[in-house]
């Protein structure tokens, strides 16, 4: 019998150079996601279909309650950790590369965050934005554009909106562990 929450199929998990991804049992990783090498997925996380996480250069750390949605790419810079802190929210198709995404921050759909960039706590990177290497988005600020620039401070309503969306994905992780079953052929 397959482990709880994985229906008939397990996610695609591969060792690299002796390092095997570690997935907390309270995390949901879709069977069509790919995880390679030095990766840690914390509890209450949601990793969506076709997400590609490659821990072949540096460690990827996905802390409690993070969601990495469909078709996201997460990859490291040699010798460095790529981290998404607790309650981080990574929108569909985003690319996270060798950077740090702060606690309760959001990276919008199809945005790109490059090496050594830092997205501050409860900050938002707008959809389709490009955050260049080494750029910092301060806590509770909005960054927009290509290249991204900081345009304003976030309101309490903005942060509450983001937190509500992340909570939905945390509920989805729990529901997916219980309800997703791959039909037999």
N, C-alpha and C. Protein backbone atom coordinates (compact mmCIF):
# COMPACT_ATOMS: atom_id res chain seq x y z
N UNK A 1 0.84 -1.19 0.00
CA UNK A 1 0.00 0.00 0.00
C UNK A 1 0.89 1.24 0.00
N UNK A 2 0.49 2.25 -0.75
CA UNK A 2 1.26 3.51 -0.83
C UNK A 2 1.14 4.27 0.48
N UNK A 3 2.15 5.09 0.81
CA UNK A 3 2.07 5.90 2.02
C UNK A 3 0.87 6.84 1.99
N UNK A 4 0.41 7.24 3.14
CA UNK A 4 -0.71 8.15 3.29
C UNK A 4 -0.55 9.36 2.38
N UNK A 5 -1.61 9.69 1.64
CA UNK A 5 -1.62 10.91 0.85
C UNK A 5 -1.05 10.79 -0.53
N UNK A 6 -0.46 9.65 -0.87
CA UNK A 6 0.17 9.56 -2.18
C UNK A 6 -0.58 8.64 -3.13
N UNK A 7 -1.81 8.23 -2.78
CA UNK A 7 -2.60 7.41 -3.68
C UNK A 7 -1.79 6.23 -4.17
N UNK A 8 -1.73 6.06 -5.46
CA UNK A 8 -1.01 4.93 -6.05
C UNK A 8 0.40 5.29 -6.50
N UNK A 9 0.79 6.54 -6.38
CA UNK A 9 2.09 6.93 -6.92
C UNK A 9 2.80 7.88 -5.95
N UNK A 10 4.10 7.74 -5.89
CA UNK A 10 4.94 8.60 -5.06
C UNK A 10 5.47 9.74 -5.93
N UNK A 11 5.86 10.86 -5.30
CA UNK A 11 6.51 11.91 -6.08
C UNK A 11 7.82 11.41 -6.65
N UNK A 12 8.30 12.07 -7.68
CA UNK A 12 9.57 11.70 -8.31
C UNK A 12 10.70 12.29 -7.48
N UNK A 13 11.34 11.45 -6.69
CA UNK A 13 12.40 11.86 -5.77
C UNK A 13 13.67 11.11 -6.15
N UNK A 14 14.77 11.87 -6.34
CA UNK A 14 16.02 11.28 -6.78
C UNK A 14 17.16 11.70 -5.87
N UNK A 15 18.03 10.74 -5.56
CA UNK A 15 19.26 11.05 -4.84
C UNK A 15 20.25 11.68 -5.82
N UNK A 16 21.09 12.55 -5.31
CA UNK A 16 22.16 13.14 -6.11
C UNK A 16 23.40 13.23 -5.23
N UNK A 17 24.48 12.61 -5.65
CA UNK A 17 25.73 12.63 -4.90
C UNK A 17 25.52 12.17 -3.46
N UNK A 18 24.66 11.16 -3.29
CA UNK A 18 24.40 10.59 -1.97
C UNK A 18 23.40 11.36 -1.13
N UNK A 19 22.86 12.46 -1.63
CA UNK A 19 21.88 13.25 -0.88
C UNK A 19 20.48 12.99 -1.42
N UNK A 20 19.57 12.68 -0.50
CA UNK A 20 18.20 12.33 -0.86
C UNK A 20 17.27 13.39 -0.28
N UNK A 21 16.30 13.88 -1.07
CA UNK A 21 15.34 14.84 -0.51
C UNK A 21 14.64 14.28 0.73
N UNK A 22 14.42 15.17 1.70
CA UNK A 22 13.72 14.81 2.93
C UNK A 22 12.39 15.56 2.91
N UNK A 23 11.31 14.80 2.99
CA UNK A 23 9.97 15.37 2.92
C UNK A 23 9.25 15.04 4.23
N UNK A 24 8.83 16.07 4.95
CA UNK A 24 8.07 15.85 6.18
C UNK A 24 6.77 15.11 5.82
N UNK A 25 6.35 14.14 6.65
CA UNK A 25 5.13 13.39 6.34
C UNK A 25 3.87 14.26 6.32
N UNK A 26 3.91 15.45 6.90
CA UNK A 26 2.76 16.35 6.89
C UNK A 26 2.80 17.30 5.69
N UNK A 27 3.72 17.09 4.77
CA UNK A 27 3.79 17.89 3.54
C UNK A 27 3.14 17.10 2.41
N UNK A 28 2.57 17.83 1.45
CA UNK A 28 2.03 17.19 0.26
C UNK A 28 2.93 17.56 -0.92
N UNK A 29 3.44 16.53 -1.60
CA UNK A 29 4.23 16.71 -2.82
C UNK A 29 3.53 15.92 -3.92
N UNK A 30 3.09 16.62 -4.95
CA UNK A 30 2.37 15.97 -6.04
C UNK A 30 3.26 14.94 -6.73
N UNK A 31 2.66 13.88 -7.21
CA UNK A 31 3.42 12.80 -7.84
C UNK A 31 4.15 13.24 -9.10
N UNK A 32 3.74 14.33 -9.72
CA UNK A 32 4.42 14.81 -10.92
C UNK A 32 5.44 15.92 -10.63
N UNK A 33 5.65 16.20 -9.37
CA UNK A 33 6.74 17.10 -9.00
C UNK A 33 8.05 16.31 -9.05
N UNK A 34 9.15 16.99 -9.26
CA UNK A 34 10.47 16.34 -9.31
C UNK A 34 11.36 16.99 -8.26
N UNK A 35 11.92 16.16 -7.38
CA UNK A 35 12.84 16.63 -6.34
C UNK A 35 14.14 15.86 -6.47
N UNK A 36 15.24 16.60 -6.59
CA UNK A 36 16.55 15.98 -6.80
C UNK A 36 17.54 16.50 -5.77
N UNK A 37 18.15 15.59 -5.03
CA UNK A 37 19.30 15.92 -4.20
C UNK A 37 18.99 16.53 -2.85
N UNK A 38 19.74 17.57 -2.49
CA UNK A 38 19.78 18.15 -1.15
C UNK A 38 18.60 19.11 -0.94
N UNK A 39 17.46 18.54 -0.54
CA UNK A 39 16.23 19.30 -0.38
C UNK A 39 15.60 18.91 0.94
N UNK A 40 15.10 19.91 1.65
CA UNK A 40 14.34 19.68 2.88
C UNK A 40 12.98 20.35 2.71
N UNK A 41 11.91 19.56 2.80
CA UNK A 41 10.55 20.08 2.72
C UNK A 41 9.92 19.91 4.10
N UNK A 42 9.53 21.04 4.70
CA UNK A 42 8.97 21.04 6.05
C UNK A 42 7.51 20.64 6.08
N UNK A 43 6.93 20.62 7.28
CA UNK A 43 5.54 20.23 7.45
C UNK A 43 4.57 21.26 6.86
N UNK A 44 3.39 20.78 6.51
CA UNK A 44 2.29 21.62 6.04
C UNK A 44 2.59 22.34 4.73
N UNK A 45 3.57 21.85 3.98
CA UNK A 45 3.92 22.44 2.69
C UNK A 45 3.09 21.81 1.58
N UNK A 46 2.95 22.56 0.50
CA UNK A 46 2.29 22.08 -0.71
C UNK A 46 3.26 22.28 -1.86
N UNK A 47 3.62 21.19 -2.55
CA UNK A 47 4.47 21.25 -3.74
C UNK A 47 3.61 20.75 -4.90
N UNK A 48 3.33 21.63 -5.86
CA UNK A 48 2.36 21.36 -6.90
C UNK A 48 2.86 20.53 -8.06
N UNK A 49 1.92 20.14 -8.94
CA UNK A 49 2.26 19.35 -10.12
C UNK A 49 3.30 20.07 -10.99
N UNK A 50 4.24 19.31 -11.51
CA UNK A 50 5.27 19.78 -12.43
C UNK A 50 6.25 20.77 -11.81
N UNK A 51 6.25 20.91 -10.49
CA UNK A 51 7.29 21.72 -9.84
C UNK A 51 8.60 20.95 -9.97
N UNK A 52 9.68 21.66 -10.22
CA UNK A 52 11.01 21.05 -10.36
C UNK A 52 11.95 21.69 -9.35
N UNK A 53 12.39 20.88 -8.38
CA UNK A 53 13.26 21.35 -7.32
C UNK A 53 14.57 20.59 -7.41
N UNK A 54 15.67 21.31 -7.71
CA UNK A 54 16.96 20.66 -7.93
C UNK A 54 17.96 21.12 -6.88
N UNK A 55 18.25 20.21 -5.97
CA UNK A 55 19.27 20.46 -4.95
C UNK A 55 20.58 19.81 -5.34
N UNK A 56 21.05 20.08 -6.56
CA UNK A 56 22.28 19.46 -7.04
C UNK A 56 23.51 20.36 -6.89
N UNK A 57 23.32 21.66 -6.73
CA UNK A 57 24.44 22.57 -6.48
C UNK A 57 24.47 23.00 -5.02
N UNK A 58 23.34 23.43 -4.50
CA UNK A 58 23.22 23.86 -3.12
C UNK A 58 21.93 23.35 -2.53
N UNK A 59 21.83 23.40 -1.21
CA UNK A 59 20.65 22.91 -0.50
C UNK A 59 19.45 23.82 -0.75
N UNK A 60 18.26 23.19 -0.91
CA UNK A 60 17.00 23.90 -0.97
C UNK A 60 16.25 23.63 0.32
N UNK A 61 15.82 24.69 1.00
CA UNK A 61 15.11 24.56 2.26
C UNK A 61 13.74 25.19 2.09
N UNK A 62 12.71 24.40 2.31
CA UNK A 62 11.33 24.84 2.19
C UNK A 62 10.72 24.65 3.58
N UNK A 63 10.54 25.77 4.29
CA UNK A 63 10.12 25.70 5.69
C UNK A 63 8.61 25.49 5.83
N UNK A 64 8.16 25.33 7.05
CA UNK A 64 6.77 25.02 7.40
C UNK A 64 5.78 25.93 6.67
N UNK A 65 4.75 25.30 6.10
CA UNK A 65 3.62 26.04 5.56
C UNK A 65 3.83 26.71 4.22
N UNK A 66 4.95 26.42 3.55
CA UNK A 66 5.25 27.04 2.25
C UNK A 66 4.47 26.34 1.15
N UNK A 67 4.07 27.09 0.13
CA UNK A 67 3.55 26.45 -1.07
C UNK A 67 4.39 26.86 -2.26
N UNK A 68 4.75 25.84 -3.05
CA UNK A 68 5.49 26.01 -4.30
C UNK A 68 4.56 25.43 -5.36
N UNK A 69 3.94 26.31 -6.13
CA UNK A 69 2.83 25.91 -6.97
C UNK A 69 3.28 25.30 -8.30
N UNK A 70 2.31 24.93 -9.09
CA UNK A 70 2.50 24.22 -10.35
C UNK A 70 3.56 24.90 -11.24
N UNK A 71 4.41 24.10 -11.81
CA UNK A 71 5.45 24.46 -12.79
C UNK A 71 6.52 25.42 -12.26
N UNK A 72 6.64 25.56 -10.97
CA UNK A 72 7.73 26.39 -10.41
C UNK A 72 9.05 25.65 -10.58
N UNK A 73 10.12 26.43 -10.67
CA UNK A 73 11.47 25.89 -10.68
C UNK A 73 12.21 26.48 -9.50
N UNK A 74 12.86 25.62 -8.74
CA UNK A 74 13.68 26.06 -7.61
C UNK A 74 15.03 25.39 -7.76
N UNK A 75 16.09 26.21 -7.79
CA UNK A 75 17.44 25.69 -8.01
C UNK A 75 18.42 26.53 -7.21
N UNK A 76 19.54 25.93 -6.87
CA UNK A 76 20.50 26.63 -6.04
C UNK A 76 21.71 27.15 -6.77
N UNK A 77 22.43 28.00 -6.07
CA UNK A 77 23.71 28.52 -6.52
C UNK A 77 24.77 27.66 -5.85
N UNK A 78 25.84 27.29 -6.54
CA UNK A 78 26.83 26.39 -5.94
C UNK A 78 27.30 26.84 -4.56
N UNK A 79 27.21 25.92 -3.61
CA UNK A 79 27.70 26.15 -2.26
C UNK A 79 26.82 27.02 -1.39
N UNK A 80 25.63 27.38 -1.85
CA UNK A 80 24.75 28.26 -1.06
C UNK A 80 23.39 27.59 -0.86
N UNK A 81 22.69 28.02 0.18
CA UNK A 81 21.33 27.53 0.40
C UNK A 81 20.33 28.46 -0.28
N UNK A 82 19.30 27.86 -0.84
CA UNK A 82 18.15 28.59 -1.35
C UNK A 82 17.03 28.31 -0.37
N UNK A 83 16.45 29.36 0.21
CA UNK A 83 15.52 29.17 1.32
C UNK A 83 14.21 29.91 1.05
N UNK A 84 13.12 29.20 1.30
CA UNK A 84 11.80 29.83 1.38
C UNK A 84 11.36 29.66 2.83
N UNK A 85 11.27 30.78 3.54
CA UNK A 85 10.96 30.73 4.96
C UNK A 85 9.48 30.44 5.21
N UNK A 86 9.16 30.17 6.46
CA UNK A 86 7.83 29.77 6.89
C UNK A 86 6.73 30.64 6.26
N UNK A 87 5.69 29.98 5.79
CA UNK A 87 4.51 30.60 5.19
C UNK A 87 4.81 31.35 3.88
N UNK A 88 5.95 31.04 3.26
CA UNK A 88 6.25 31.62 1.96
C UNK A 88 5.28 31.10 0.91
N UNK A 89 5.07 31.89 -0.13
CA UNK A 89 4.04 31.59 -1.13
C UNK A 89 4.65 31.85 -2.50
N UNK A 90 4.83 30.78 -3.28
CA UNK A 90 5.48 30.89 -4.59
C UNK A 90 4.45 30.57 -5.66
N UNK A 91 4.07 31.57 -6.45
CA UNK A 91 3.01 31.45 -7.44
C UNK A 91 3.39 30.59 -8.63
N UNK A 92 2.39 30.16 -9.35
CA UNK A 92 2.54 29.28 -10.52
C UNK A 92 3.64 29.78 -11.45
N UNK A 93 4.52 28.88 -11.83
CA UNK A 93 5.53 29.17 -12.84
C UNK A 93 6.69 30.04 -12.41
N UNK A 94 6.78 30.40 -11.15
CA UNK A 94 7.88 31.24 -10.68
C UNK A 94 9.20 30.47 -10.69
N UNK A 95 10.31 31.22 -10.80
CA UNK A 95 11.65 30.64 -10.74
C UNK A 95 12.35 31.25 -9.53
N UNK A 96 12.80 30.37 -8.63
CA UNK A 96 13.51 30.78 -7.42
C UNK A 96 14.92 30.22 -7.55
N UNK A 97 15.93 31.09 -7.62
CA UNK A 97 17.28 30.62 -7.90
C UNK A 97 18.30 31.24 -6.95
N UNK A 98 18.82 30.43 -6.03
CA UNK A 98 19.93 30.85 -5.18
C UNK A 98 19.64 32.06 -4.32
N UNK A 99 18.40 32.19 -3.84
CA UNK A 99 17.99 33.40 -3.11
C UNK A 99 17.35 33.02 -1.78
N UNK A 100 16.84 34.03 -1.09
CA UNK A 100 16.10 33.82 0.16
C UNK A 100 14.78 34.56 0.06
N UNK A 101 13.70 33.82 0.31
CA UNK A 101 12.36 34.40 0.35
C UNK A 101 11.93 34.38 1.81
N UNK A 102 11.67 35.56 2.36
CA UNK A 102 11.40 35.71 3.79
C UNK A 102 10.07 35.14 4.24
N UNK A 103 9.95 35.08 5.54
CA UNK A 103 8.74 34.56 6.19
C UNK A 103 7.52 35.34 5.70
N UNK A 104 6.48 34.60 5.32
CA UNK A 104 5.20 35.15 4.92
C UNK A 104 5.27 36.03 3.67
N UNK A 105 6.33 35.86 2.87
CA UNK A 105 6.46 36.64 1.63
C UNK A 105 5.79 35.90 0.48
N UNK A 106 5.51 36.64 -0.60
CA UNK A 106 4.87 36.08 -1.78
C UNK A 106 5.69 36.45 -3.01
N UNK A 107 5.95 35.45 -3.85
CA UNK A 107 6.55 35.66 -5.16
C UNK A 107 5.45 35.31 -6.17
N UNK A 108 5.05 36.29 -6.97
CA UNK A 108 3.90 36.14 -7.85
C UNK A 108 4.15 35.21 -9.03
N UNK A 109 3.08 34.92 -9.74
CA UNK A 109 3.11 34.00 -10.88
C UNK A 109 4.14 34.45 -11.92
N UNK A 110 4.92 33.48 -12.35
CA UNK A 110 5.92 33.66 -13.42
C UNK A 110 6.97 34.73 -13.11
N UNK A 111 7.14 35.07 -11.84
CA UNK A 111 8.22 35.97 -11.45
C UNK A 111 9.52 35.16 -11.37
N UNK A 112 10.66 35.87 -11.46
CA UNK A 112 11.97 35.25 -11.35
C UNK A 112 12.74 35.99 -10.26
N UNK A 113 13.29 35.22 -9.32
CA UNK A 113 14.12 35.79 -8.25
C UNK A 113 15.49 35.14 -8.34
N UNK A 114 16.51 35.97 -8.58
CA UNK A 114 17.85 35.48 -8.91
C UNK A 114 18.77 35.35 -7.68
N UNK A 115 19.98 34.88 -7.96
CA UNK A 115 20.99 34.56 -6.96
C UNK A 115 21.25 35.71 -5.99
N UNK A 116 21.32 35.34 -4.71
CA UNK A 116 21.64 36.24 -3.60
C UNK A 116 20.66 37.38 -3.42
N UNK A 117 19.51 37.33 -4.11
CA UNK A 117 18.44 38.29 -3.83
C UNK A 117 17.80 37.91 -2.50
N UNK A 118 17.22 38.90 -1.83
CA UNK A 118 16.53 38.66 -0.56
C UNK A 118 15.17 39.33 -0.64
N UNK A 119 14.14 38.53 -0.45
CA UNK A 119 12.77 39.05 -0.39
C UNK A 119 12.41 39.10 1.09
N UNK A 120 12.18 40.29 1.62
CA UNK A 120 11.97 40.47 3.05
C UNK A 120 10.67 39.86 3.56
N UNK A 121 10.57 39.81 4.88
CA UNK A 121 9.40 39.25 5.54
C UNK A 121 8.13 39.98 5.10
N UNK A 122 7.11 39.21 4.76
CA UNK A 122 5.80 39.72 4.37
C UNK A 122 5.87 40.69 3.18
N UNK A 123 6.89 40.55 2.34
CA UNK A 123 7.00 41.35 1.13
C UNK A 123 6.30 40.62 -0.02
N UNK A 124 6.03 41.36 -1.09
CA UNK A 124 5.40 40.77 -2.27
C UNK A 124 6.19 41.16 -3.51
N UNK A 125 6.49 40.16 -4.34
CA UNK A 125 7.05 40.37 -5.67
C UNK A 125 5.91 40.12 -6.65
N UNK A 126 5.56 41.13 -7.44
CA UNK A 126 4.42 41.03 -8.34
C UNK A 126 4.66 39.99 -9.43
N UNK A 127 3.57 39.48 -9.97
CA UNK A 127 3.63 38.54 -11.08
C UNK A 127 4.45 39.12 -12.22
N UNK A 128 5.19 38.25 -12.90
CA UNK A 128 6.00 38.59 -14.08
C UNK A 128 7.18 39.50 -13.78
N UNK A 129 7.49 39.73 -12.52
CA UNK A 129 8.63 40.59 -12.18
C UNK A 129 9.93 39.82 -12.27
N UNK A 130 11.03 40.54 -12.48
CA UNK A 130 12.37 39.95 -12.50
C UNK A 130 13.20 40.64 -11.42
N UNK A 131 13.55 39.87 -10.38
CA UNK A 131 14.36 40.38 -9.28
C UNK A 131 15.80 39.99 -9.56
N UNK A 132 16.62 40.97 -9.88
CA UNK A 132 18.00 40.73 -10.28
C UNK A 132 18.84 40.21 -9.12
N UNK A 133 19.96 39.62 -9.45
CA UNK A 133 20.88 39.06 -8.45
C UNK A 133 21.28 40.13 -7.44
N UNK A 134 21.24 39.76 -6.17
CA UNK A 134 21.68 40.64 -5.10
C UNK A 134 20.70 41.71 -4.67
N UNK A 135 19.56 41.82 -5.34
CA UNK A 135 18.58 42.87 -5.02
C UNK A 135 17.86 42.51 -3.73
N UNK A 136 17.49 43.51 -2.93
CA UNK A 136 16.75 43.27 -1.70
C UNK A 136 15.42 44.00 -1.74
N UNK A 137 14.35 43.25 -1.45
CA UNK A 137 13.03 43.84 -1.28
C UNK A 137 12.81 43.93 0.22
N UNK A 138 12.67 45.13 0.77
CA UNK A 138 12.50 45.26 2.22
C UNK A 138 11.23 44.59 2.72
N UNK A 139 11.21 44.25 3.99
CA UNK A 139 10.03 43.67 4.62
C UNK A 139 8.82 44.55 4.36
N UNK A 140 7.68 43.90 4.10
CA UNK A 140 6.39 44.59 3.93
C UNK A 140 6.40 45.64 2.82
N UNK A 141 7.10 45.32 1.72
CA UNK A 141 7.11 46.21 0.56
C UNK A 141 6.74 45.41 -0.69
N UNK A 142 6.27 46.14 -1.72
CA UNK A 142 5.90 45.56 -2.99
C UNK A 142 6.96 45.90 -4.02
N UNK A 143 7.43 44.87 -4.74
CA UNK A 143 8.38 45.06 -5.85
C UNK A 143 7.69 44.65 -7.14
N UNK A 144 7.88 45.47 -8.18
CA UNK A 144 7.18 45.28 -9.46
C UNK A 144 8.13 45.56 -10.60
N UNK A 145 8.00 44.79 -11.69
CA UNK A 145 8.66 45.13 -12.94
C UNK A 145 9.85 44.27 -13.28
N UNK A 146 10.45 44.64 -14.42
CA UNK A 146 11.60 43.92 -14.94
C UNK A 146 12.62 44.92 -15.49
N UNK A 147 13.65 45.24 -14.73
CA UNK A 147 13.95 44.67 -13.41
C UNK A 147 13.01 45.23 -12.33
N UNK A 148 12.83 44.43 -11.28
CA UNK A 148 11.93 44.82 -10.20
C UNK A 148 12.46 46.05 -9.49
N UNK A 149 11.52 46.89 -9.09
CA UNK A 149 11.84 48.03 -8.25
C UNK A 149 10.79 48.09 -7.14
N UNK A 150 11.19 48.60 -6.00
CA UNK A 150 10.28 48.70 -4.87
C UNK A 150 9.39 49.92 -5.11
N UNK A 151 8.06 49.70 -5.07
CA UNK A 151 7.15 50.80 -5.41
C UNK A 151 6.37 51.35 -4.22
N UNK A 152 6.17 50.51 -3.17
CA UNK A 152 5.44 51.04 -2.02
C UNK A 152 5.52 50.07 -0.84
N UNK A 153 5.15 50.60 0.30
CA UNK A 153 5.02 49.78 1.49
C UNK A 153 3.65 49.09 1.44
N UNK A 154 3.58 47.88 1.96
CA UNK A 154 2.32 47.14 1.99
C UNK A 154 1.47 47.59 3.18
N UNK A 155 0.17 47.56 2.98
CA UNK A 155 -0.76 47.87 4.07
C UNK A 155 -1.03 46.59 4.86
N UNK A 156 -1.67 46.76 6.02
CA UNK A 156 -2.09 45.58 6.79
C UNK A 156 -3.07 44.74 5.98
N UNK A 157 -3.92 45.39 5.18
CA UNK A 157 -4.87 44.66 4.33
C UNK A 157 -4.14 43.83 3.27
N UNK A 158 -3.07 44.38 2.69
CA UNK A 158 -2.28 43.64 1.70
C UNK A 158 -1.70 42.37 2.32
N UNK A 159 -1.13 42.50 3.51
CA UNK A 159 -0.50 41.36 4.17
C UNK A 159 -1.57 40.34 4.58
N UNK A 160 -2.71 40.82 5.03
CA UNK A 160 -3.80 39.91 5.40
C UNK A 160 -4.30 39.14 4.18
N UNK A 161 -4.42 39.82 3.03
CA UNK A 161 -4.83 39.16 1.78
C UNK A 161 -3.86 38.05 1.43
N UNK A 162 -2.56 38.33 1.51
CA UNK A 162 -1.53 37.33 1.20
C UNK A 162 -1.62 36.16 2.17
N UNK A 163 -1.76 36.46 3.46
CA UNK A 163 -1.81 35.40 4.48
C UNK A 163 -3.03 34.50 4.28
N UNK A 164 -4.14 35.09 3.86
CA UNK A 164 -5.36 34.30 3.60
C UNK A 164 -5.12 33.32 2.45
N UNK A 165 -4.46 33.79 1.39
CA UNK A 165 -4.17 32.91 0.24
C UNK A 165 -3.24 31.77 0.65
N UNK A 166 -2.24 32.07 1.46
CA UNK A 166 -1.31 31.03 1.91
C UNK A 166 -2.03 30.00 2.78
N UNK A 167 -2.92 30.47 3.64
CA UNK A 167 -3.69 29.55 4.49
C UNK A 167 -4.53 28.60 3.63
N UNK A 168 -5.04 29.09 2.49
CA UNK A 168 -5.79 28.21 1.59
C UNK A 168 -4.91 27.08 1.07
N UNK A 169 -3.65 27.39 0.73
CA UNK A 169 -2.75 26.35 0.25
C UNK A 169 -2.35 25.39 1.37
N UNK A 170 -2.27 25.88 2.59
CA UNK A 170 -1.99 24.97 3.71
C UNK A 170 -3.15 24.01 3.92
N UNK A 171 -4.37 24.51 3.76
CA UNK A 171 -5.54 23.62 3.83
C UNK A 171 -5.54 22.65 2.65
N UNK A 172 -5.14 23.14 1.47
CA UNK A 172 -5.08 22.27 0.30
C UNK A 172 -4.07 21.14 0.51
N UNK A 173 -2.95 21.43 1.15
CA UNK A 173 -1.95 20.38 1.43
C UNK A 173 -2.59 19.27 2.26
N UNK A 174 -3.30 19.64 3.31
CA UNK A 174 -3.95 18.64 4.17
C UNK A 174 -5.03 17.87 3.39
N UNK A 175 -5.84 18.60 2.62
CA UNK A 175 -6.89 17.95 1.84
C UNK A 175 -6.28 17.01 0.80
N UNK A 176 -5.19 17.43 0.17
CA UNK A 176 -4.56 16.60 -0.86
C UNK A 176 -4.01 15.32 -0.26
N UNK A 177 -3.42 15.41 0.93
CA UNK A 177 -2.91 14.20 1.60
C UNK A 177 -4.03 13.19 1.83
N UNK A 178 -5.21 13.69 2.10
CA UNK A 178 -6.34 12.82 2.40
C UNK A 178 -7.13 12.39 1.18
N UNK A 179 -7.23 13.26 0.16
CA UNK A 179 -8.23 13.04 -0.88
C UNK A 179 -7.71 12.70 -2.26
N UNK A 180 -6.46 13.05 -2.56
CA UNK A 180 -5.98 12.76 -3.92
C UNK A 180 -5.61 11.29 -4.02
N UNK A 181 -6.27 10.62 -4.96
CA UNK A 181 -5.97 9.22 -5.24
C UNK A 181 -5.86 9.08 -6.75
N UNK A 182 -4.79 8.52 -7.18
CA UNK A 182 -4.61 8.29 -8.62
C UNK A 182 -5.45 7.10 -9.02
N UNK A 183 -6.35 7.30 -9.98
CA UNK A 183 -7.20 6.16 -10.40
C UNK A 183 -6.35 5.02 -10.97
N UNK A 184 -6.76 3.79 -10.70
CA UNK A 184 -6.05 2.66 -11.29
C UNK A 184 -6.45 2.56 -12.75
N UNK A 185 -5.53 2.02 -13.50
CA UNK A 185 -5.76 1.94 -14.96
C UNK A 185 -6.47 0.67 -15.33
